[in-house]
Amino acid sequence: MTDHADWLRQIDAELDGELTLSEQAALARHLAGCAHCGGARASNLEMRAQLALSAGEPQARAVPRPIIRGRIVARWVAIALVGGGVAGWVLYSQFGGPGGGTVEGVRAAIMVR
């Protein structure tokens, strides 16, 4: 089953509860690696929830999509870079860098031992 149409039929059957356990496992493996089918499944779930809400079922809930903004991502990247730099500076000042001096000095120490 490499065609997306086949997988989309499998998604509909899964949401209707018509798949066996092994078919559900195969679909889950495919959904883990295929963004197209994963998005189609999420859209299908949202559509079913909205249809149920419009039919008067109070228990139906739509899946909220996260809102990711560029400024927030940039802020967290900057915080991570500054935090990593500070941690590296503190650890370097406390424990020193790798080795004891120049490359030739380290090689000489290894040869002597």
Protein backbone atom coordinates (compact mmCIF):
# COMPACT_ATOMS: atom_id res chain seq x y z
CA MET A 1 0.00 0.00 0.00
CA THR A 2 2.11 2.87 -1.19
CA ASP A 3 -0.65 4.99 -2.67
CA HIS A 4 -2.03 7.74 -0.44
CA ALA A 5 -5.59 6.98 -1.57
CA ASP A 6 -5.31 3.50 -0.06
CA TRP A 7 -4.01 4.93 3.21
CA LEU A 8 -6.80 7.52 3.28
CA ARG A 9 -9.35 4.72 2.94
CA GLN A 10 -7.58 2.96 5.82
CA ILE A 11 -7.84 6.15 7.91
CA ASP A 12 -11.59 6.35 7.28
CA ALA A 13 -12.00 2.68 8.20
CA GLU A 14 -9.92 3.19 11.37
CA LEU A 15 -12.04 6.13 12.49
CA ASP A 16 -15.16 4.05 11.86
CA GLY A 17 -13.68 1.22 13.97
CA GLU A 18 -13.49 -1.27 11.12
CA LEU A 19 -9.77 -2.16 11.18
CA THR A 20 -8.19 -5.17 12.80
CA LEU A 21 -5.40 -4.73 15.34
CA SER A 22 -2.67 -5.58 12.81
CA GLU A 23 -4.13 -3.13 10.28
CA GLN A 24 -4.25 -0.44 12.95
CA ALA A 25 -0.58 -1.10 13.75
CA ALA A 26 0.40 -0.84 10.07
CA LEU A 27 -1.53 2.42 9.76
CA ALA A 28 0.10 3.82 12.90
CA ARG A 29 3.56 2.99 11.51
CA HIS A 30 2.69 4.75 8.26
CA LEU A 31 1.24 7.80 10.03
CA ALA A 32 4.43 8.16 12.08
CA GLY A 33 6.44 8.73 8.91
CA CYS A 34 3.99 10.38 6.52
CA ALA A 35 3.08 14.01 7.16
CA HIS A 36 0.51 14.02 4.33
CA CYS A 37 -1.53 11.18 5.79
CA GLY A 38 -1.09 12.45 9.36
CA GLY A 39 -2.49 15.82 8.35
CA ALA A 40 -5.35 14.15 6.51
CA ARG A 41 -6.21 12.13 9.62
CA ALA A 42 -6.15 15.24 11.83
CA SER A 43 -8.36 17.11 9.35
CA ASN A 44 -10.75 14.16 9.22
CA LEU A 45 -10.97 14.09 13.02
CA GLU A 46 -11.65 17.83 13.15
CA MET A 47 -14.32 17.54 10.47
CA ARG A 48 -16.04 14.70 12.34
CA ALA A 49 -15.96 16.69 15.58
CA GLN A 50 -17.45 19.77 13.91
CA LEU A 51 -20.17 17.68 12.27
CA ALA A 52 -20.99 16.12 15.63
CA LEU A 53 -21.13 19.57 17.26
CA SER A 54 -23.46 20.85 14.57
CA ALA A 55 -25.66 17.79 15.06
CA GLY A 56 -26.04 18.73 18.73
CA GLU A 57 -23.63 16.33 20.44
CA PRO A 58 -22.20 18.32 23.38
CA GLN A 59 -19.37 15.81 24.01
CA ALA A 60 -17.71 16.37 20.62
CA ARG A 61 -14.49 18.36 20.73
CA ALA A 62 -12.25 19.56 17.96
CA VAL A 63 -8.52 19.02 18.16
CA PRO A 64 -6.87 22.42 18.74
CA ARG A 65 -3.95 23.21 16.47
CA PRO A 66 -0.93 24.79 18.16
CA ILE A 67 0.01 28.29 17.10
CA ILE A 68 3.76 28.59 16.60
CA ARG A 69 5.06 32.08 15.95
CA GLY A 70 8.50 32.92 14.63
CA ARG A 71 9.27 35.38 17.41
CA ILE A 72 8.62 32.79 20.10
CA VAL A 73 10.88 30.25 18.37
CA ALA A 74 13.61 32.88 17.90
CA ARG A 75 13.35 33.88 21.57
CA TRP A 76 13.74 30.27 22.76
CA VAL A 77 16.68 29.69 20.41
CA ALA A 78 18.37 32.83 21.77
CA ILE A 79 17.74 31.72 25.36
CA ALA A 80 19.18 28.28 24.60
CA LEU A 81 22.29 29.77 22.95
CA VAL A 82 22.93 32.21 25.80
CA GLY A 83 22.32 29.49 28.40
CA GLY A 84 24.69 27.11 26.64
CA GLY A 85 27.36 29.79 26.36
CA VAL A 86 27.08 30.69 30.05
CA ALA A 87 27.16 27.02 31.09
CA GLY A 88 30.21 26.40 28.88
CA TRP A 89 32.02 29.43 30.28
CA VAL A 90 31.31 28.38 33.89
CA LEU A 91 32.37 24.79 33.30
CA TYR A 92 35.51 25.85 31.42
CA SER A 93 36.52 28.23 34.21
CA GLN A 94 35.94 25.55 36.85
CA PHE A 95 37.36 22.46 35.16
CA GLY A 96 39.56 23.89 32.41
CA GLY A 97 39.61 22.91 28.80
CA PRO A 98 40.41 19.55 27.30
CA GLY A 99 43.97 18.41 27.83
CA GLY A 100 46.77 20.15 29.63
CA GLY A 101 48.31 22.73 27.35
CA THR A 102 49.45 22.33 23.76
CA VAL A 103 48.96 19.34 21.53
CA GLU A 104 52.70 18.55 21.70
CA GLY A 105 52.63 18.58 25.50
CA VAL A 106 49.70 16.18 25.59
CA ARG A 107 51.42 13.84 23.11
CA ALA A 108 54.58 13.91 25.19
CA ALA A 109 52.64 13.09 28.35
CA ILE A 110 50.99 10.14 26.62
CA MET A 111 54.33 8.85 25.30
CA VAL A 112 56.00 9.10 28.71
CA ARG A 113 53.27 7.11 30.45
